[in-house]
Amino acid sequence: MILGVSFDTPAENKAFHDKFDFGYQLLCDTTRELGMAYGAADSADAKYANRISYIIGPDGTIEHAEKVSDINAHVDDFMSKLGTK
């Protein structure tokens, strides 16, 4: 399962999802709790999240984490780690 998380509201996430025809669900983290727990935000006041991708195992442990520096190269590389490419 692939999920995206952003600090946007549900309405903003829906508009973004529809505009770019995402093939996965976007979750809302308007309180920044998830972002802070996973290192994507330094505080609840953070305006933007750091782009980080995670592979989380069936038992809930993080198996791999990677900061995104080049989104175009990152997608193929990360999907290969998932065994989908």
PDB file of N, CA and C in Angstrom:
ATOM      1  N   MET A   1       0.841  -1.165   0.000  1.00  0.00           N
ATOM      2  CA  MET A   1       0.000   0.000   0.000  1.00  0.00           C
ATOM      3  C   MET A   1       0.892   1.235   0.000  1.00  0.00           C
ATOM      4  N   ILE A   2       0.568   2.179  -0.824  1.00  0.00           N
ATOM      5  CA  ILE A   2       1.309   3.440  -0.879  1.00  0.00           C
ATOM      6  C   ILE A   2       0.383   4.546  -0.415  1.00  0.00           C
ATOM      7  N   LEU A   3       0.869   5.348   0.538  1.00  0.00           N
ATOM      8  CA  LEU A   3       0.121   6.485   1.053  1.00  0.00           C
ATOM      9  C   LEU A   3       1.004   7.713   1.000  1.00  0.00           C
ATOM     10  N   GLY A   4       0.414   8.855   0.752  1.00  0.00           N
ATOM     11  CA  GLY A   4       1.100  10.132   0.844  1.00  0.00           C
ATOM     12  C   GLY A   4       0.521  10.894   2.016  1.00  0.00           C
ATOM     13  N   VAL A   5       1.339  11.722   2.638  1.00  0.00           N
ATOM     14  CA  VAL A   5       0.881  12.530   3.774  1.00  0.00           C
ATOM     15  C   VAL A   5       1.324  13.962   3.539  1.00  0.00           C
ATOM     16  N   SER A   6       0.411  14.901   3.767  1.00  0.00           N
ATOM     17  CA  SER A   6       0.772  16.309   3.644  1.00  0.00           C
ATOM     18  C   SER A   6       0.143  17.097   4.787  1.00  0.00           C
ATOM     19  N   PHE A   7       0.564  18.330   4.924  1.00  0.00           N
ATOM     20  CA  PHE A   7       0.032  19.217   5.954  1.00  0.00           C
ATOM     21  C   PHE A   7      -1.233  19.931   5.484  1.00  0.00           C
ATOM     22  N   ASP A   8      -1.675  19.658   4.281  1.00  0.00           N
ATOM     23  CA  ASP A   8      -2.834  20.328   3.706  1.00  0.00           C
ATOM     24  C   ASP A   8      -4.146  19.811   4.290  1.00  0.00           C
ATOM     25  N   THR A   9      -5.186  20.588   4.107  1.00  0.00           N
ATOM     26  CA  THR A   9      -6.527  20.209   4.538  1.00  0.00           C
ATOM     27  C   THR A   9      -7.082  19.141   3.597  1.00  0.00           C
ATOM     28  N   PRO A  10      -8.162  18.463   3.994  1.00  0.00           N
ATOM     29  CA  PRO A  10      -8.773  17.484   3.086  1.00  0.00           C
ATOM     30  C   PRO A  10      -9.169  18.091   1.728  1.00  0.00           C
ATOM     31  N   ALA A  11      -9.709  19.286   1.726  1.00  0.00           N
ATOM     32  CA  ALA A  11     -10.102  19.924   0.460  1.00  0.00           C
ATOM     33  C   ALA A  11      -8.881  20.215  -0.413  1.00  0.00           C
ATOM     34  N   GLU A  12      -7.796  20.691   0.197  1.00  0.00           N
ATOM     35  CA  GLU A  12      -6.564  20.974  -0.566  1.00  0.00           C
ATOM     36  C   GLU A  12      -5.962  19.679  -1.107  1.00  0.00           C
ATOM     37  N   ASN A  13      -5.975  18.625  -0.291  1.00  0.00           N
ATOM     38  CA  ASN A  13      -5.444  17.337  -0.758  1.00  0.00           C
ATOM     39  C   ASN A  13      -6.276  16.780  -1.905  1.00  0.00           C
ATOM     40  N   LYS A  14      -7.597  16.911  -1.833  1.00  0.00           N
ATOM     41  CA  LYS A  14      -8.449  16.414  -2.911  1.00  0.00           C
ATOM     42  C   LYS A  14      -8.156  17.160  -4.204  1.00  0.00           C
ATOM     43  N   ALA A  15      -8.035  18.481  -4.123  1.00  0.00           N
ATOM     44  CA  ALA A  15      -7.742  19.271  -5.323  1.00  0.00           C
ATOM     45  C   ALA A  15      -6.395  18.869  -5.918  1.00  0.00           C
ATOM     46  N   PHE A  16      -5.385  18.681  -5.071  1.00  0.00           N
ATOM     47  CA  PHE A  16      -4.056  18.272  -5.529  1.00  0.00           C
ATOM     48  C   PHE A  16      -4.124  16.881  -6.154  1.00  0.00           C
ATOM     49  N   HIS A  17      -4.810  15.952  -5.476  1.00  0.00           N
ATOM     50  CA  HIS A  17      -4.973  14.580  -5.966  1.00  0.00           C
ATOM     51  C   HIS A  17      -5.651  14.578  -7.328  1.00  0.00           C
ATOM     52  N   ASP A  18      -6.723  15.343  -7.458  1.00  0.00           N
ATOM     53  CA  ASP A  18      -7.463  15.402  -8.723  1.00  0.00           C
ATOM     54  C   ASP A  18      -6.641  16.047  -9.834  1.00  0.00           C
ATOM     55  N   LYS A  19      -5.922  17.107  -9.511  1.00  0.00           N
ATOM     56  CA  LYS A  19      -5.131  17.821 -10.514  1.00  0.00           C
ATOM     57  C   LYS A  19      -4.043  16.931 -11.107  1.00  0.00           C
ATOM     58  N   PHE A  20      -3.380  16.142 -10.251  1.00  0.00           N
ATOM     59  CA  PHE A  20      -2.259  15.329 -10.716  1.00  0.00           C
ATOM     60  C   PHE A  20      -2.620  13.863 -10.915  1.00  0.00           C
ATOM     61  N   ASP A  21      -3.902  13.517 -10.742  1.00  0.00           N
ATOM     62  CA  ASP A  21      -4.394  12.152 -10.976  1.00  0.00           C
ATOM     63  C   ASP A  21      -3.532  11.112 -10.251  1.00  0.00           C
ATOM     64  N   PHE A  22      -3.319  11.344  -8.953  1.00  0.00           N
ATOM     65  CA  PHE A  22      -2.501  10.425  -8.160  1.00  0.00           C
ATOM     66  C   PHE A  22      -3.131   9.046  -8.123  1.00  0.00           C
ATOM     67  N   GLY A  23      -2.292   8.033  -8.108  1.00  0.00           N
ATOM     68  CA  GLY A  23      -2.746   6.655  -8.018  1.00  0.00           C
ATOM     69  C   GLY A  23      -2.739   6.138  -6.597  1.00  0.00           C
ATOM     70  N   TYR A  24      -2.596   7.026  -5.629  1.00  0.00           N
ATOM     71  CA  TYR A  24      -2.613   6.601  -4.228  1.00  0.00           C
ATOM     72  C   TYR A  24      -3.281   7.662  -3.370  1.00  0.00           C
ATOM     73  N   GLN A  25      -3.647   7.254  -2.172  1.00  0.00           N
ATOM     74  CA  GLN A  25      -4.379   8.119  -1.259  1.00  0.00           C
ATOM     75  C   GLN A  25      -3.454   9.117  -0.565  1.00  0.00           C
ATOM     76  N   LEU A  26      -3.945  10.338  -0.390  1.00  0.00           N
ATOM     77  CA  LEU A  26      -3.221  11.367   0.352  1.00  0.00           C
ATOM     78  C   LEU A  26      -3.895  11.566   1.706  1.00  0.00           C
ATOM     79  N   LEU A  27      -3.121  11.464   2.767  1.00  0.00           N
ATOM     80  CA  LEU A  27      -3.628  11.664   4.117  1.00  0.00           C
ATOM     81  C   LEU A  27      -3.302  13.072   4.583  1.00  0.00           C
ATOM     82  N   CYS A  28      -4.118  13.598   5.478  1.00  0.00           N
ATOM     83  CA  CYS A  28      -3.932  14.954   6.010  1.00  0.00           C
ATOM     84  C   CYS A  28      -3.294  14.897   7.396  1.00  0.00           C
ATOM     85  N   ASP A  29      -2.285  15.723   7.594  1.00  0.00           N
ATOM     86  CA  ASP A  29      -1.608  15.838   8.889  1.00  0.00           C
ATOM     87  C   ASP A  29      -1.559  17.321   9.258  1.00  0.00           C
ATOM     88  N   THR A  30      -2.726  17.918   9.429  1.00  0.00           N
ATOM     89  CA  THR A  30      -2.781  19.353   9.684  1.00  0.00           C
ATOM     90  C   THR A  30      -2.196  19.740  11.041  1.00  0.00           C
ATOM     91  N   THR A  31      -2.096  18.789  11.969  1.00  0.00           N
ATOM     92  CA  THR A  31      -1.513  19.073  13.289  1.00  0.00           C
ATOM     93  C   THR A  31      -0.002  18.848  13.306  1.00  0.00           C
ATOM     94  N   ARG A  32       0.545  18.287  12.247  1.00  0.00           N
ATOM     95  CA  ARG A  32       1.979  17.973  12.108  1.00  0.00           C
ATOM     96  C   ARG A  32       2.435  16.834  13.022  1.00  0.00           C
ATOM     97  N   GLU A  33       1.526  16.140  13.707  1.00  0.00           N
ATOM     98  CA  GLU A  33       1.914  15.059  14.624  1.00  0.00           C
ATOM     99  C   GLU A  33       2.659  13.943  13.903  1.00  0.00           C
ATOM    100  N   LEU A  34       2.113  13.495  12.798  1.00  0.00           N
ATOM    101  CA  LEU A  34       2.761  12.432  12.033  1.00  0.00           C
ATOM    102  C   LEU A  34       4.082  12.921  11.459  1.00  0.00           C
ATOM    103  N   GLY A  35       4.093  14.128  10.940  1.00  0.00           N
ATOM    104  CA  GLY A  35       5.316  14.705  10.385  1.00  0.00           C
ATOM    105  C   GLY A  35       6.425  14.801  11.421  1.00  0.00           C
ATOM    106  N   MET A  36       6.085  15.204  12.626  1.00  0.00           N
ATOM    107  CA  MET A  36       7.098  15.301  13.684  1.00  0.00           C
ATOM    108  C   MET A  36       7.553  13.909  14.118  1.00  0.00           C
ATOM    109  N   ALA A  37       6.632  12.959  14.220  1.00  0.00           N
ATOM    110  CA  ALA A  37       6.986  11.597  14.635  1.00  0.00           C
ATOM    111  C   ALA A  37       7.928  10.925  13.641  1.00  0.00           C
ATOM    112  N   TYR A  38       7.765  11.227  12.355  1.00  0.00           N
ATOM    113  CA  TYR A  38       8.577  10.588  11.318  1.00  0.00           C
ATOM    114  C   TYR A  38       9.721  11.465  10.819  1.00  0.00           C
ATOM    115  N   GLY A  39       9.952  12.599  11.450  1.00  0.00           N
ATOM    116  CA  GLY A  39      11.086  13.436  11.086  1.00  0.00           C
ATOM    117  C   GLY A  39      10.878  14.313   9.863  1.00  0.00           C
ATOM    118  N   ALA A  40       9.641  14.474   9.440  1.00  0.00           N
ATOM    119  CA  ALA A  40       9.365  15.316   8.275  1.00  0.00           C
ATOM    120  C   ALA A  40       9.060  16.758   8.662  1.00  0.00           C
ATOM    121  N   ALA A  41       8.951  17.022   9.973  1.00  0.00           N
ATOM    122  CA  ALA A  41       8.703  18.376  10.467  1.00  0.00           C
ATOM    123  C   ALA A  41       9.426  18.544  11.798  1.00  0.00           C
ATOM    124  N   ASP A  42       9.982  19.721  11.992  1.00  0.00           N
ATOM    125  CA  ASP A  42      10.692  20.003  13.241  1.00  0.00           C
ATOM    126  C   ASP A  42       9.757  20.490  14.338  1.00  0.00           C
ATOM    127  N   SER A  43       8.585  21.020  13.941  1.00  0.00           N
ATOM    128  CA  SER A  43       7.653  21.549  14.935  1.00  0.00           C
ATOM    129  C   SER A  43       6.242  21.578  14.360  1.00  0.00           C
ATOM    130  N   ALA A  44       5.286  21.824  15.236  1.00  0.00           N
ATOM    131  CA  ALA A  44       3.896  21.939  14.806  1.00  0.00           C
ATOM    132  C   ALA A  44       3.654  23.214  14.005  1.00  0.00           C
ATOM    133  N   ASP A  45       4.640  24.109  13.999  1.00  0.00           N
ATOM    134  CA  ASP A  45       4.534  25.363  13.243  1.00  0.00           C
ATOM    135  C   ASP A  45       5.162  25.271  11.857  1.00  0.00           C
ATOM    136  N   ALA A  46       5.742  24.122  11.512  1.00  0.00           N
ATOM    137  CA  ALA A  46       6.420  23.972  10.220  1.00  0.00           C
ATOM    138  C   ALA A  46       5.436  24.248   9.087  1.00  0.00           C
ATOM    139  N   LYS A  47       5.847  25.079   8.160  1.00  0.00           N
ATOM    140  CA  LYS A  47       4.977  25.407   7.030  1.00  0.00           C
ATOM    141  C   LYS A  47       4.946  24.268   6.012  1.00  0.00           C
ATOM    142  N   TYR A  48       6.100  23.664   5.769  1.00  0.00           N
ATOM    143  CA  TYR A  48       6.215  22.586   4.788  1.00  0.00           C
ATOM    144  C   TYR A  48       6.876  21.368   5.420  1.00  0.00           C
ATOM    145  N   ALA A  49       6.547  20.217   4.885  1.00  0.00           N
ATOM    146  CA  ALA A  49       7.174  18.969   5.325  1.00  0.00           C
ATOM    147  C   ALA A  49       8.430  18.707   4.503  1.00  0.00           C
ATOM    148  N   ASN A  50       9.409  18.072   5.132  1.00  0.00           N
ATOM    149  CA  ASN A  50      10.550  17.547   4.390  1.00  0.00           C
ATOM    150  C   ASN A  50      10.036  16.354   3.595  1.00  0.00           C
ATOM    151  N   ARG A  51      10.505  16.185   2.389  1.00  0.00           N
ATOM    152  CA  ARG A  51      10.066  15.046   1.580  1.00  0.00           C
ATOM    153  C   ARG A  51      10.909  13.838   1.941  1.00  0.00           C
ATOM    154  N   ILE A  52      10.256  12.873   2.541  1.00  0.00           N
ATOM    155  CA  ILE A  52      10.913  11.646   2.965  1.00  0.00           C
ATOM    156  C   ILE A  52      10.003  10.484   2.581  1.00  0.00           C
ATOM    157  N   SER A  53      10.595   9.424   2.045  1.00  0.00           N
ATOM    158  CA  SER A  53       9.836   8.212   1.733  1.00  0.00           C
ATOM    159  C   SER A  53      10.256   7.114   2.702  1.00  0.00           C
ATOM    160  N   TYR A  54       9.286   6.328   3.110  1.00  0.00           N
ATOM    161  CA  TYR A  54       9.529   5.238   4.058  1.00  0.00           C
ATOM    162  C   TYR A  54       8.961   3.941   3.519  1.00  0.00           C
ATOM    163  N   ILE A  55       9.654   2.855   3.815  1.00  0.00           N
ATOM    164  CA  ILE A  55       9.088   1.523   3.637  1.00  0.00           C
ATOM    165  C   ILE A  55       8.838   1.027   5.052  1.00  0.00           C
ATOM    166  N   ILE A  56       7.574   0.750   5.346  1.00  0.00           N
ATOM    167  CA  ILE A  56       7.181   0.300   6.677  1.00  0.00           C
ATOM    168  C   ILE A  56       6.729  -1.145   6.556  1.00  0.00           C
ATOM    169  N   GLY A  57       7.354  -2.012   7.348  1.00  0.00           N
ATOM    170  CA  GLY A  57       7.059  -3.435   7.296  1.00  0.00           C
ATOM    171  C   GLY A  57       5.708  -3.779   7.886  1.00  0.00           C
ATOM    172  N   PRO A  58       5.280  -5.013   7.677  1.00  0.00           N
ATOM    173  CA  PRO A  58       3.978  -5.460   8.186  1.00  0.00           C
ATOM    174  C   PRO A  58       3.831  -5.325   9.704  1.00  0.00           C
ATOM    175  N   ASP A  59       4.963  -5.359  10.406  1.00  0.00           N
ATOM    176  CA  ASP A  59       4.909  -5.235  11.870  1.00  0.00           C
ATOM    177  C   ASP A  59       4.976  -3.780  12.335  1.00  0.00           C
ATOM    178  N   GLY A  60       5.015  -2.833  11.383  1.00  0.00           N
ATOM    179  CA  GLY A  60       5.010  -1.414  11.723  1.00  0.00           C
ATOM    180  C   GLY A  60       6.385  -0.791  11.884  1.00  0.00           C
ATOM    181  N   THR A  61       7.451  -1.562  11.712  1.00  0.00           N
ATOM    182  CA  THR A  61       8.794  -0.993  11.838  1.00  0.00           C
ATOM    183  C   THR A  61       9.242  -0.390  10.511  1.00  0.00           C
ATOM    184  N   ILE A  62      10.028   0.682  10.609  1.00  0.00           N
ATOM    185  CA  ILE A  62      10.569   1.325   9.411  1.00  0.00           C
ATOM    186  C   ILE A  62      11.722   0.475   8.900  1.00  0.00           C
ATOM    187  N   GLU A  63      11.577  -0.036   7.688  1.00  0.00           N
ATOM    188  CA  GLU A  63      12.605  -0.873   7.080  1.00  0.00           C
ATOM    189  C   GLU A  63      13.583  -0.045   6.252  1.00  0.00           C
ATOM    190  N   HIS A  64      13.117   1.097   5.747  1.00  0.00           N
ATOM    191  CA  HIS A  64      13.976   1.952   4.927  1.00  0.00           C
ATOM    192  C   HIS A  64      13.402   3.365   4.937  1.00  0.00           C
ATOM    193  N   ALA A  65      14.283   4.355   5.049  1.00  0.00           N
ATOM    194  CA  ALA A  65      13.874   5.763   4.976  1.00  0.00           C
ATOM    195  C   ALA A  65      14.846   6.484   4.057  1.00  0.00           C
ATOM    196  N   GLU A  66      14.317   7.384   3.257  1.00  0.00           N
ATOM    197  CA  GLU A  66      15.164   8.082   2.300  1.00  0.00           C
ATOM    198  C   GLU A  66      14.622   9.482   2.033  1.00  0.00           C
ATOM    199  N   LYS A  67      15.478  10.507   2.213  1.00  0.00           N
ATOM    200  CA  LYS A  67      15.084  11.871   1.870  1.00  0.00           C
ATOM    201  C   LYS A  67      15.032  11.995   0.360  1.00  0.00           C
ATOM    202  N   VAL A  68      14.068  12.748  -0.118  1.00  0.00           N
ATOM    203  CA  VAL A  68      13.873  12.936  -1.550  1.00  0.00           C
ATOM    204  C   VAL A  68      14.629  14.184  -1.989  1.00  0.00           C
ATOM    205  N   SER A  69      15.585  13.998  -2.891  1.00  0.00           N
ATOM    206  CA  SER A  69      16.308  15.152  -3.419  1.00  0.00           C
ATOM    207  C   SER A  69      15.921  15.429  -4.874  1.00  0.00           C
ATOM    208  N   ASP A  70      15.660  14.383  -5.638  1.00  0.00           N
ATOM    209  CA  ASP A  70      15.239  14.519  -7.042  1.00  0.00           C
ATOM    210  C   ASP A  70      14.008  13.646  -7.222  1.00  0.00           C
ATOM    211  N   ILE A  71      12.831  14.252  -7.242  1.00  0.00           N
ATOM    212  CA  ILE A  71      11.581  13.490  -7.279  1.00  0.00           C
ATOM    213  C   ILE A  71      11.491  12.579  -8.494  1.00  0.00           C
ATOM    214  N   ASN A  72      12.000  13.004  -9.636  1.00  0.00           N
ATOM    215  CA  ASN A  72      11.904  12.179 -10.846  1.00  0.00           C
ATOM    216  C   ASN A  72      12.729  10.903 -10.728  1.00  0.00           C
ATOM    217  N   ALA A  73      13.941  10.995 -10.243  1.00  0.00           N
ATOM    218  CA  ALA A  73      14.788   9.815 -10.075  1.00  0.00           C
ATOM    219  C   ALA A  73      14.334   8.999  -8.868  1.00  0.00           C
ATOM    220  N   HIS A  74      13.837   9.672  -7.856  1.00  0.00           N
ATOM    221  CA  HIS A  74      13.468   9.003  -6.617  1.00  0.00           C
ATOM    222  C   HIS A  74      12.347   7.987  -6.802  1.00  0.00           C
ATOM    223  N   VAL A  75      11.354   8.314  -7.575  1.00  0.00           N
ATOM    224  CA  VAL A  75      10.204   7.434  -7.728  1.00  0.00           C
ATOM    225  C   VAL A  75      10.638   6.073  -8.257  1.00  0.00           C
ATOM    226  N   ASP A  76      11.388   6.040  -9.352  1.00  0.00           N
ATOM    227  CA  ASP A  76      11.829   4.755  -9.907  1.00  0.00           C
ATOM    228  C   ASP A  76      12.727   4.004  -8.952  1.00  0.00           C
ATOM    229  N   ASP A  77      13.663   4.717  -8.323  1.00  0.00           N
ATOM    230  CA  ASP A  77      14.573   4.083  -7.381  1.00  0.00           C
ATOM    231  C   ASP A  77      13.819   3.481  -6.198  1.00  0.00           C
ATOM    232  N   PHE A  78      12.912   4.252  -5.645  1.00  0.00           N
ATOM    233  CA  PHE A  78      12.195   3.782  -4.459  1.00  0.00           C
ATOM    234  C   PHE A  78      11.242   2.638  -4.816  1.00  0.00           C
ATOM    235  N   MET A  79      10.590   2.723  -5.958  1.00  0.00           N
ATOM    236  CA  MET A  79       9.690   1.651  -6.374  1.00  0.00           C
ATOM    237  C   MET A  79      10.458   0.353  -6.605  1.00  0.00           C
ATOM    238  N   SER A  80      11.702   0.448  -7.078  1.00  0.00           N
ATOM    239  CA  SER A  80      12.505  -0.764  -7.238  1.00  0.00           C
ATOM    240  C   SER A  80      12.810  -1.405  -5.886  1.00  0.00           C
ATOM    241  N   LYS A  81      12.963  -0.593  -4.845  1.00  0.00           N
ATOM    242  CA  LYS A  81      13.175  -1.121  -3.504  1.00  0.00           C
ATOM    243  C   LYS A  81      11.934  -1.883  -3.020  1.00  0.00           C
ATOM    244  N   LEU A  82      10.771  -1.470  -3.502  1.00  0.00           N
ATOM    245  CA  LEU A  82       9.531  -2.150  -3.142  1.00  0.00           C
ATOM    246  C   LEU A  82       9.292  -3.403  -3.994  1.00  0.00           C
ATOM    247  N   GLY A  83      10.138  -3.572  -5.021  1.00  0.00           N
ATOM    248  CA  GLY A  83       9.985  -4.720  -5.902  1.00  0.00           C
ATOM    249  C   GLY A  83       8.910  -4.553  -6.949  1.00  0.00           C
ATOM    250  N   THR A  84       8.540  -3.295  -7.233  1.00  0.00           N
ATOM    251  CA  THR A  84       7.484  -3.052  -8.220  1.00  0.00           C
ATOM    252  C   THR A  84       8.040  -2.600  -9.555  1.00  0.00           C
ATOM    253  N   LYS A  85       9.344  -2.437  -9.670  1.00  0.00           N
ATOM    254  CA  LYS A  85       9.961  -2.029 -10.944  1.00  0.00           C
ATOM    255  C   LYS A  85      11.081  -2.971 -11.262  1.00  0.00           C
TER     256      LYS A  85
END
